[in-house]
Amino acid sequence: MTKENELVEQIIDRYDADTGMLIPIMQDLQADCGYLTQEHLRCLANRLDVPMSRIYAVATFYSSFRLSPKGQHDVTLCMGTVCYLKGAPKISEAISREFQVEPGSTTRDRLFTLQAVNCVGACALAPVMIVDGKYYDGATPDSALEILHELSPAEEAAETAAKEAKS
């Protein structure tokens, strides 16, 4: 038994292998591992004697579950009606093109996870982008890219080098 499967077994045992506790089991597993791997899902299906299709349906239905690793920075883009009308799709396209990431995915370097959501409840600030919990109002494609580039390691290294050269 792999270490990964042992963890799944321990979590299932906490809930006495009760299939009615599938969501809390999955939440605990994700809390411990950061995301749900295919191996986790298979192990859950086998141990709980639940069809893999049901496990996968739960994992994909709830937006709180991740099937891939999360990036170092969370980028949330509001696609609510007001944000949408004020240019959120163009911001999403710019981010997707620049960082080769689609909404709901993580960049290959695991630096950013981009999430498009229906509404963040900040319509007066539209369009809104949230990065690591910080709200950026009146975002544009250019300002969004500038914010994200400031978080990339190459940009951070360049800023540090520039500061050191000045001193």
N, C-alpha and C. Protein backbone atom coordinates (compact mmCIF):
# COMPACT_ATOMS: atom_id res chain seq x y z
N MET A 1 0.86 -1.18 0.00
CA MET A 1 0.00 0.00 0.00
C MET A 1 0.90 1.24 0.00
N THR A 2 0.57 2.19 -0.88
CA THR A 2 1.38 3.41 -0.96
C THR A 2 1.07 4.33 0.21
N LYS A 3 1.98 5.26 0.42
CA LYS A 3 1.79 6.24 1.49
C LYS A 3 0.51 7.05 1.24
N GLU A 4 0.27 7.36 -0.04
CA GLU A 4 -0.92 8.11 -0.43
C GLU A 4 -2.19 7.33 -0.06
N ASN A 5 -2.18 6.02 -0.36
CA ASN A 5 -3.35 5.19 -0.03
C ASN A 5 -3.53 5.04 1.47
N GLU A 6 -2.42 5.00 2.19
CA GLU A 6 -2.51 4.92 3.66
C GLU A 6 -3.22 6.14 4.22
N LEU A 7 -2.92 7.32 3.68
CA LEU A 7 -3.57 8.54 4.13
C LEU A 7 -5.07 8.48 3.85
N VAL A 8 -5.43 8.02 2.67
CA VAL A 8 -6.85 7.89 2.32
C VAL A 8 -7.53 6.93 3.30
N GLU A 9 -6.88 5.82 3.58
CA GLU A 9 -7.44 4.83 4.52
C GLU A 9 -7.65 5.44 5.90
N GLN A 10 -6.68 6.20 6.39
CA GLN A 10 -6.78 6.83 7.71
C GLN A 10 -7.97 7.80 7.76
N ILE A 11 -8.12 8.58 6.71
CA ILE A 11 -9.22 9.55 6.68
C ILE A 11 -10.56 8.83 6.61
N ILE A 12 -10.65 7.81 5.78
CA ILE A 12 -11.90 7.03 5.68
C ILE A 12 -12.23 6.41 7.04
N ASP A 13 -11.23 5.88 7.72
CA ASP A 13 -11.45 5.26 9.03
C ASP A 13 -11.97 6.28 10.05
N ARG A 14 -11.53 7.53 9.95
CA ARG A 14 -12.04 8.58 10.86
C ARG A 14 -13.55 8.70 10.78
N TYR A 15 -14.09 8.39 9.60
CA TYR A 15 -15.53 8.51 9.35
C TYR A 15 -16.21 7.15 9.30
N ASP A 16 -15.54 6.12 9.82
CA ASP A 16 -16.08 4.76 9.88
C ASP A 16 -16.56 4.27 8.51
N ALA A 17 -15.88 4.71 7.45
CA ALA A 17 -16.19 4.29 6.08
C ALA A 17 -17.65 4.55 5.71
N ASP A 18 -18.22 5.60 6.28
CA ASP A 18 -19.61 5.97 6.02
C ASP A 18 -19.70 6.72 4.69
N THR A 19 -20.38 6.14 3.71
CA THR A 19 -20.48 6.77 2.39
C THR A 19 -21.24 8.09 2.45
N GLY A 20 -22.06 8.26 3.47
CA GLY A 20 -22.78 9.52 3.66
C GLY A 20 -21.84 10.67 4.04
N MET A 21 -20.62 10.32 4.39
CA MET A 21 -19.61 11.32 4.77
C MET A 21 -18.60 11.55 3.66
N LEU A 22 -18.99 11.22 2.43
CA LEU A 22 -18.08 11.34 1.30
C LEU A 22 -17.49 12.75 1.16
N ILE A 23 -18.33 13.77 1.25
CA ILE A 23 -17.83 15.14 1.08
C ILE A 23 -16.84 15.51 2.19
N PRO A 24 -17.15 15.29 3.46
CA PRO A 24 -16.15 15.59 4.49
C PRO A 24 -14.86 14.78 4.34
N ILE A 25 -14.98 13.55 3.89
CA ILE A 25 -13.78 12.73 3.64
C ILE A 25 -12.93 13.39 2.57
N MET A 26 -13.57 13.80 1.49
CA MET A 26 -12.85 14.44 0.40
C MET A 26 -12.26 15.79 0.83
N GLN A 27 -12.99 16.52 1.67
CA GLN A 27 -12.48 17.80 2.17
C GLN A 27 -11.23 17.58 3.02
N ASP A 28 -11.26 16.58 3.88
CA ASP A 28 -10.10 16.28 4.72
C ASP A 28 -8.91 15.85 3.87
N LEU A 29 -9.17 15.04 2.90
CA LEU A 29 -8.11 14.56 2.02
C LEU A 29 -7.47 15.73 1.26
N GLN A 30 -8.30 16.61 0.76
CA GLN A 30 -7.77 17.78 0.05
C GLN A 30 -7.01 18.70 1.00
N ALA A 31 -7.50 18.85 2.22
CA ALA A 31 -6.82 19.70 3.20
C ALA A 31 -5.42 19.16 3.49
N ASP A 32 -5.29 17.85 3.52
CA ASP A 32 -3.99 17.23 3.80
C ASP A 32 -3.06 17.23 2.59
N CYS A 33 -3.61 17.12 1.40
CA CYS A 33 -2.78 16.95 0.20
C CYS A 33 -2.77 18.14 -0.75
N GLY A 34 -3.68 19.07 -0.56
CA GLY A 34 -3.74 20.24 -1.42
C GLY A 34 -4.68 20.09 -2.60
N TYR A 35 -4.88 18.86 -3.05
CA TYR A 35 -5.81 18.58 -4.14
C TYR A 35 -6.09 17.09 -4.15
N LEU A 36 -7.06 16.68 -4.97
CA LEU A 36 -7.45 15.27 -5.06
C LEU A 36 -6.86 14.66 -6.32
N THR A 37 -6.00 13.68 -6.14
CA THR A 37 -5.39 13.01 -7.29
C THR A 37 -6.32 11.90 -7.80
N GLN A 38 -6.03 11.42 -9.00
CA GLN A 38 -6.79 10.29 -9.54
C GLN A 38 -6.65 9.08 -8.62
N GLU A 39 -5.46 8.90 -8.06
CA GLU A 39 -5.23 7.78 -7.14
C GLU A 39 -6.11 7.91 -5.90
N HIS A 40 -6.24 9.14 -5.37
CA HIS A 40 -7.13 9.36 -4.22
C HIS A 40 -8.56 8.95 -4.56
N LEU A 41 -9.02 9.40 -5.72
CA LEU A 41 -10.40 9.11 -6.12
C LEU A 41 -10.64 7.62 -6.31
N ARG A 42 -9.67 6.94 -6.94
CA ARG A 42 -9.79 5.48 -7.12
C ARG A 42 -9.84 4.77 -5.77
N CYS A 43 -8.95 5.17 -4.88
CA CYS A 43 -8.90 4.54 -3.56
C CYS A 43 -10.21 4.75 -2.81
N LEU A 44 -10.76 5.97 -2.88
CA LEU A 44 -12.05 6.24 -2.23
C LEU A 44 -13.14 5.35 -2.81
N ALA A 45 -13.19 5.26 -4.13
CA ALA A 45 -14.21 4.45 -4.79
C ALA A 45 -14.11 2.99 -4.36
N ASN A 46 -12.90 2.46 -4.35
CA ASN A 46 -12.69 1.05 -3.97
C ASN A 46 -13.04 0.81 -2.51
N ARG A 47 -12.50 1.62 -1.64
CA ARG A 47 -12.67 1.40 -0.19
C ARG A 47 -14.10 1.61 0.26
N LEU A 48 -14.78 2.62 -0.33
CA LEU A 48 -16.16 2.91 0.07
C LEU A 48 -17.18 2.14 -0.76
N ASP A 49 -16.70 1.39 -1.77
CA ASP A 49 -17.57 0.65 -2.68
C ASP A 49 -18.62 1.57 -3.31
N VAL A 50 -18.10 2.69 -3.82
CA VAL A 50 -18.93 3.68 -4.50
C VAL A 50 -18.40 3.77 -5.93
N PRO A 51 -19.29 3.85 -6.92
CA PRO A 51 -18.81 3.95 -8.30
C PRO A 51 -17.89 5.17 -8.50
N MET A 52 -16.86 4.98 -9.28
CA MET A 52 -15.93 6.06 -9.57
C MET A 52 -16.67 7.25 -10.17
N SER A 53 -17.71 6.99 -10.94
CA SER A 53 -18.47 8.08 -11.57
C SER A 53 -19.11 8.99 -10.51
N ARG A 54 -19.56 8.40 -9.40
CA ARG A 54 -20.16 9.20 -8.32
C ARG A 54 -19.08 10.03 -7.62
N ILE A 55 -17.93 9.43 -7.35
CA ILE A 55 -16.82 10.14 -6.70
C ILE A 55 -16.40 11.32 -7.57
N TYR A 56 -16.24 11.07 -8.86
CA TYR A 56 -15.81 12.11 -9.79
C TYR A 56 -16.88 13.20 -9.92
N ALA A 57 -18.15 12.80 -9.92
CA ALA A 57 -19.25 13.77 -10.00
C ALA A 57 -19.21 14.73 -8.82
N VAL A 58 -18.97 14.21 -7.63
CA VAL A 58 -18.88 15.07 -6.44
C VAL A 58 -17.66 15.98 -6.55
N ALA A 59 -16.53 15.42 -6.97
CA ALA A 59 -15.29 16.20 -7.06
C ALA A 59 -15.39 17.33 -8.09
N THR A 60 -16.16 17.11 -9.15
CA THR A 60 -16.27 18.15 -10.18
C THR A 60 -17.46 19.07 -9.97
N PHE A 61 -18.44 18.65 -9.20
CA PHE A 61 -19.62 19.49 -8.96
C PHE A 61 -19.29 20.66 -8.03
N TYR A 62 -18.58 20.38 -6.96
CA TYR A 62 -18.29 21.40 -5.97
C TYR A 62 -17.00 22.14 -6.34
N SER A 63 -17.12 23.46 -6.47
CA SER A 63 -15.97 24.25 -6.91
C SER A 63 -14.85 24.30 -5.88
N SER A 64 -15.13 23.88 -4.65
CA SER A 64 -14.08 23.90 -3.63
C SER A 64 -13.08 22.76 -3.81
N PHE A 65 -13.44 21.74 -4.60
CA PHE A 65 -12.52 20.63 -4.83
C PHE A 65 -11.62 20.92 -6.02
N ARG A 66 -10.36 20.55 -5.88
CA ARG A 66 -9.38 20.72 -6.95
C ARG A 66 -8.84 19.36 -7.36
N LEU A 67 -8.72 19.16 -8.67
CA LEU A 67 -8.19 17.91 -9.19
C LEU A 67 -6.76 18.08 -9.70
N SER A 68 -6.22 19.25 -9.50
CA SER A 68 -4.84 19.52 -9.87
C SER A 68 -4.24 20.43 -8.80
N PRO A 69 -2.91 20.47 -8.74
CA PRO A 69 -2.27 21.29 -7.71
C PRO A 69 -2.62 22.76 -7.85
N LYS A 70 -2.72 23.41 -6.73
CA LYS A 70 -3.03 24.83 -6.69
C LYS A 70 -1.74 25.62 -6.89
N GLY A 71 -1.85 26.76 -7.52
CA GLY A 71 -0.70 27.61 -7.73
C GLY A 71 -0.29 28.36 -6.46
N GLN A 72 0.87 28.95 -6.53
CA GLN A 72 1.38 29.73 -5.40
C GLN A 72 0.50 30.94 -5.14
N HIS A 73 -0.08 31.51 -6.21
CA HIS A 73 -0.94 32.68 -6.09
C HIS A 73 -2.32 32.36 -6.65
N ASP A 74 -3.36 32.72 -5.89
CA ASP A 74 -4.74 32.57 -6.35
C ASP A 74 -5.17 33.83 -7.07
N VAL A 75 -5.62 33.67 -8.31
CA VAL A 75 -6.11 34.79 -9.10
C VAL A 75 -7.58 34.51 -9.40
N THR A 76 -8.45 35.36 -8.89
CA THR A 76 -9.88 35.19 -9.10
C THR A 76 -10.38 36.37 -9.91
N LEU A 77 -11.07 36.08 -10.97
CA LEU A 77 -11.60 37.12 -11.84
C LEU A 77 -13.12 37.04 -11.81
N CYS A 78 -13.75 38.16 -11.43
CA CYS A 78 -15.21 38.21 -11.39
C CYS A 78 -15.76 38.28 -12.80
N MET A 79 -16.70 37.41 -13.10
CA MET A 79 -17.36 37.41 -14.40
C MET A 79 -18.85 37.71 -14.25
N GLY A 80 -19.22 38.33 -13.12
CA GLY A 80 -20.61 38.74 -12.92
C GLY A 80 -21.03 39.72 -14.00
N THR A 81 -22.31 40.01 -14.08
CA THR A 81 -22.84 40.82 -15.16
C THR A 81 -22.13 42.16 -15.30
N VAL A 82 -21.97 42.91 -14.22
CA VAL A 82 -21.34 44.23 -14.32
C VAL A 82 -19.87 44.09 -14.72
N CYS A 83 -19.15 43.19 -14.08
CA CYS A 83 -17.74 42.99 -14.44
C CYS A 83 -17.62 42.52 -15.89
N TYR A 84 -18.51 41.64 -16.29
CA TYR A 84 -18.49 41.13 -17.66
C TYR A 84 -18.67 42.27 -18.65
N LEU A 85 -19.67 43.11 -18.39
CA LEU A 85 -19.95 44.22 -19.30
C LEU A 85 -18.84 45.27 -19.30
N LYS A 86 -18.09 45.34 -18.22
CA LYS A 86 -17.01 46.32 -18.13
C LYS A 86 -15.65 45.76 -18.54
N GLY A 87 -15.63 44.56 -19.12
CA GLY A 87 -14.40 44.07 -19.72
C GLY A 87 -13.72 42.87 -19.11
N ALA A 88 -14.35 42.17 -18.18
CA ALA A 88 -13.73 41.00 -17.57
C ALA A 88 -13.31 39.94 -18.59
N PRO A 89 -14.08 39.69 -19.65
CA PRO A 89 -13.64 38.68 -20.63
C PRO A 89 -12.29 39.04 -21.28
N LYS A 90 -12.07 40.31 -21.53
CA LYS A 90 -10.79 40.73 -22.13
C LYS A 90 -9.64 40.53 -21.15
N ILE A 91 -9.91 40.74 -19.88
CA ILE A 91 -8.89 40.50 -18.85
C ILE A 91 -8.56 39.02 -18.80
N SER A 92 -9.59 38.19 -18.80
CA SER A 92 -9.39 36.75 -18.78
C SER A 92 -8.59 36.29 -20.00
N GLU A 93 -8.92 36.80 -21.17
CA GLU A 93 -8.20 36.43 -22.39
C GLU A 93 -6.73 36.85 -22.31
N ALA A 94 -6.48 38.05 -21.78
CA ALA A 94 -5.10 38.54 -21.67
C ALA A 94 -4.28 37.67 -20.73
N ILE A 95 -4.86 37.31 -19.58
CA ILE A 95 -4.16 36.47 -18.61
C ILE A 95 -3.93 35.09 -19.21
N SER A 96 -4.96 34.54 -19.84
CA SER A 96 -4.84 33.21 -20.44
C SER A 96 -3.75 33.17 -21.50
N ARG A 97 -3.72 34.18 -22.33
CA ARG A 97 -2.73 34.25 -23.41
C ARG A 97 -1.32 34.44 -22.84
N GLU A 98 -1.16 35.38 -21.92
CA GLU A 98 0.16 35.72 -21.37
C GLU A 98 0.77 34.59 -20.56
N PHE A 99 -0.05 33.90 -19.77
CA PHE A 99 0.47 32.88 -18.85
C PHE A 99 0.11 31.45 -19.26
N GLN A 100 -0.48 31.28 -20.45
CA GLN A 100 -0.90 29.97 -20.95
C GLN A 100 -1.68 29.19 -19.90
N VAL A 101 -2.74 29.82 -19.39
CA VAL A 101 -3.58 29.18 -18.39
C VAL A 101 -5.04 29.49 -18.70
N GLU A 102 -5.87 28.50 -18.59
CA GLU A 102 -7.30 28.69 -18.79
C GLU A 102 -7.97 28.84 -17.43
N PRO A 103 -9.09 29.57 -17.36
CA PRO A 103 -9.82 29.66 -16.08
C PRO A 103 -10.12 28.26 -15.54
N GLY A 104 -9.88 28.10 -14.26
CA GLY A 104 -10.06 26.81 -13.62
C GLY A 104 -8.81 25.97 -13.60
N SER A 105 -7.70 26.52 -14.12
CA SER A 105 -6.45 25.78 -14.21
C SER A 105 -5.31 26.51 -13.51
N THR A 106 -4.19 25.81 -13.47
CA THR A 106 -2.97 26.33 -12.85
C THR A 106 -1.89 26.38 -13.91
N THR A 107 -1.06 27.41 -13.85
CA THR A 107 0.04 27.52 -14.81
C THR A 107 0.99 26.35 -14.63
N ARG A 108 1.72 26.01 -15.70
CA ARG A 108 2.64 24.87 -15.66
C ARG A 108 3.68 25.01 -14.55
N ASP A 109 4.10 26.25 -14.30
CA ASP A 109 5.11 26.47 -13.26
C ASP A 109 4.49 26.54 -11.86
N ARG A 110 3.18 26.33 -11.79
CA ARG A 110 2.40 26.35 -10.54
C ARG A 110 2.52 27.68 -9.80
N LEU A 111 2.70 28.74 -10.56
CA LEU A 111 2.77 30.07 -9.96
C LEU A 111 1.37 30.64 -9.74
N PHE A 112 0.47 30.47 -10.72
CA PHE A 112 -0.87 31.05 -10.63
C PHE A 112 -1.95 30.00 -10.86
N THR A 113 -3.02 30.11 -10.07
CA THR A 113 -4.25 29.38 -10.34
C THR A 113 -5.28 30.44 -10.70
N LEU A 114 -5.84 30.34 -11.89
CA LEU A 114 -6.82 31.30 -12.37
C LEU A 114 -8.22 30.73 -12.22
N GLN A 115 -9.06 31.48 -11.56
CA GLN A 115 -10.44 31.05 -11.35
C GLN A 115 -11.37 32.15 -11.79
N ALA A 116 -12.32 31.85 -12.65
CA ALA A 116 -13.37 32.78 -13.03
C ALA A 116 -14.59 32.43 -12.19
N VAL A 117 -15.17 33.42 -11.53
CA VAL A 117 -16.33 33.18 -10.67
C VAL A 117 -17.50 34.03 -11.12
N ASN A 118 -18.69 33.63 -10.74
CA ASN A 118 -19.89 34.33 -11.18
C ASN A 118 -20.04 35.71 -10.58
N CYS A 119 -19.66 35.90 -9.32
CA CYS A 119 -19.80 37.22 -8.71
C CYS A 119 -19.01 37.24 -7.41
N VAL A 120 -18.35 38.36 -7.15
CA VAL A 120 -17.63 38.51 -5.88
C VAL A 120 -18.34 39.52 -4.98
N GLY A 121 -19.47 40.08 -5.44
CA GLY A 121 -20.24 41.00 -4.63
C GLY A 121 -19.62 42.38 -4.49
N ALA A 122 -18.86 42.78 -5.49
CA ALA A 122 -18.21 44.10 -5.45
C ALA A 122 -18.48 44.82 -6.77
N CYS A 123 -19.72 44.87 -7.17
CA CYS A 123 -20.10 45.41 -8.47
C CYS A 123 -19.67 46.87 -8.67
N ALA A 124 -19.68 47.65 -7.61
CA ALA A 124 -19.28 49.06 -7.73
C ALA A 124 -17.81 49.20 -8.11
N LEU A 125 -17.03 48.14 -7.94
CA LEU A 125 -15.59 48.19 -8.23
C LEU A 125 -15.25 47.56 -9.58
N ALA A 126 -16.24 47.19 -10.34
CA ALA A 126 -16.06 46.41 -11.57
C ALA A 126 -15.15 47.10 -12.58
N PRO A 127 -14.44 46.25 -13.34
CA PRO A 127 -14.23 44.81 -13.16
C PRO A 127 -13.23 44.55 -12.02
N VAL A 128 -13.45 43.46 -11.32
CA VAL A 128 -12.67 43.13 -10.14
C VAL A 128 -11.83 41.88 -10.35
N MET A 129 -10.57 41.98 -9.96
CA MET A 129 -9.67 40.83 -9.92
C MET A 129 -9.17 40.73 -8.48
N ILE A 130 -9.15 39.52 -7.96
CA ILE A 130 -8.67 39.29 -6.60
C ILE A 130 -7.43 38.41 -6.69
N VAL A 131 -6.34 38.88 -6.11
CA VAL A 131 -5.10 38.12 -6.12
C VAL A 131 -4.69 37.89 -4.67
N ASP A 132 -4.66 36.63 -4.28
CA ASP A 132 -4.30 36.25 -2.91
C ASP A 132 -5.11 37.02 -1.88
N GLY A 133 -6.40 37.22 -2.17
CA GLY A 133 -7.29 37.88 -1.23
C GLY A 133 -7.32 39.40 -1.33
N LYS A 134 -6.47 39.99 -2.13
CA LYS A 134 -6.44 41.45 -2.29
C LYS A 134 -7.25 41.83 -3.53
N TYR A 135 -8.20 42.76 -3.33
CA TYR A 135 -9.08 43.19 -4.41
C TYR A 135 -8.42 44.29 -5.24
N TYR A 136 -8.53 44.14 -6.56
CA TYR A 136 -8.05 45.16 -7.49
C TYR A 136 -9.26 45.62 -8.29
N ASP A 137 -9.66 46.87 -8.07
CA ASP A 137 -10.86 47.38 -8.75
C ASP A 137 -10.50 48.07 -10.05
N GLY A 138 -11.48 48.19 -10.92
CA GLY A 138 -11.29 48.86 -12.20
C GLY A 138 -10.19 48.23 -13.03
N ALA A 139 -10.03 46.93 -12.93
CA ALA A 139 -8.96 46.23 -13.63
C ALA A 139 -9.13 46.34 -15.14
N THR A 140 -7.99 46.34 -15.80
CA THR A 140 -7.94 46.32 -17.26
C THR A 140 -7.01 45.17 -17.65
N PRO A 141 -7.00 44.77 -18.90
CA PRO A 141 -6.05 43.72 -19.29
C PRO A 141 -4.60 44.11 -18.93
N ASP A 142 -4.23 45.34 -19.21
CA ASP A 142 -2.86 45.78 -18.92
C ASP A 142 -2.56 45.81 -17.42
N SER A 143 -3.49 46.35 -16.62
CA SER A 143 -3.23 46.43 -15.18
C SER A 143 -3.19 45.04 -14.55
N ALA A 144 -4.04 44.13 -15.05
CA ALA A 144 -4.05 42.76 -14.53
C ALA A 144 -2.72 42.08 -14.81
N LEU A 145 -2.22 42.23 -16.03
CA LEU A 145 -0.94 41.61 -16.38
C LEU A 145 0.20 42.22 -15.57
N GLU A 146 0.15 43.52 -15.36
CA GLU A 146 1.18 44.19 -14.57
C GLU A 146 1.21 43.64 -13.14
N ILE A 147 0.05 43.49 -12.55
CA ILE A 147 -0.06 42.96 -11.18
C ILE A 147 0.53 41.55 -11.12
N LEU A 148 0.19 40.71 -12.08
CA LEU A 148 0.66 39.33 -12.07
C LEU A 148 2.16 39.24 -12.38
N HIS A 149 2.63 40.08 -13.26
CA HIS A 149 4.06 40.08 -13.56
C HIS A 149 4.88 40.48 -12.34
N GLU A 150 4.32 41.35 -11.51
CA GLU A 150 5.03 41.75 -10.28
C GLU A 150 5.19 40.58 -9.32
N LEU A 151 4.35 39.56 -9.46
CA LEU A 151 4.41 38.40 -8.58
C LEU A 151 5.28 37.27 -9.13
N SER A 152 5.70 37.39 -10.37
CA SER A 152 6.49 36.31 -10.95
C SER A 152 7.94 36.40 -10.49
N PRO A 153 8.59 35.25 -10.29
CA PRO A 153 9.96 35.24 -9.77
C PRO A 153 10.94 36.06 -10.59
N ALA A 154 10.81 36.05 -11.92
CA ALA A 154 11.72 36.81 -12.77
C ALA A 154 11.57 38.30 -12.49
N GLU A 155 10.34 38.74 -12.30
CA GLU A 155 10.10 40.16 -12.00
C GLU A 155 10.65 40.51 -10.62
N GLU A 156 10.41 39.61 -9.65
CA GLU A 156 10.92 39.86 -8.29
C GLU A 156 12.44 39.93 -8.30
N ALA A 157 13.08 39.05 -9.04
CA ALA A 157 14.55 39.05 -9.11
C ALA A 157 15.05 40.33 -9.77
N ALA A 158 14.36 40.79 -10.81
CA ALA A 158 14.76 42.02 -11.50
C ALA A 158 14.60 43.23 -10.59
N GLU A 159 13.49 43.26 -9.84
CA GLU A 159 13.26 44.37 -8.90
C GLU A 159 14.33 44.39 -7.81
N THR A 160 14.67 43.23 -7.28
CA THR A 160 15.70 43.13 -6.23
C THR A 160 17.05 43.60 -6.78
N ALA A 161 17.39 43.17 -7.99
CA ALA A 161 18.65 43.57 -8.61
C ALA A 161 18.69 45.07 -8.84
N ALA A 162 17.56 45.65 -9.28
CA ALA A 162 17.49 47.09 -9.52
C ALA A 162 17.68 47.88 -8.21
N LYS A 163 17.04 47.39 -7.14
CA LYS A 163 17.17 48.06 -5.83
C LYS A 163 18.62 47.97 -5.33
N GLU A 164 19.25 46.82 -5.51
CA GLU A 164 20.63 46.65 -5.07
C GLU A 164 21.58 47.53 -5.89
N ALA A 165 21.29 47.71 -7.17
CA ALA A 165 22.16 48.54 -8.04
C ALA A 165 22.07 50.00 -7.63
N LYS A 166 20.91 50.43 -7.12
CA LYS A 166 20.72 51.83 -6.70
C LYS A 166 21.46 52.11 -5.41
N SER A 167 21.67 51.12 -4.57
CA SER A 167 22.29 51.35 -3.25
C SER A 167 23.78 51.19 -3.26
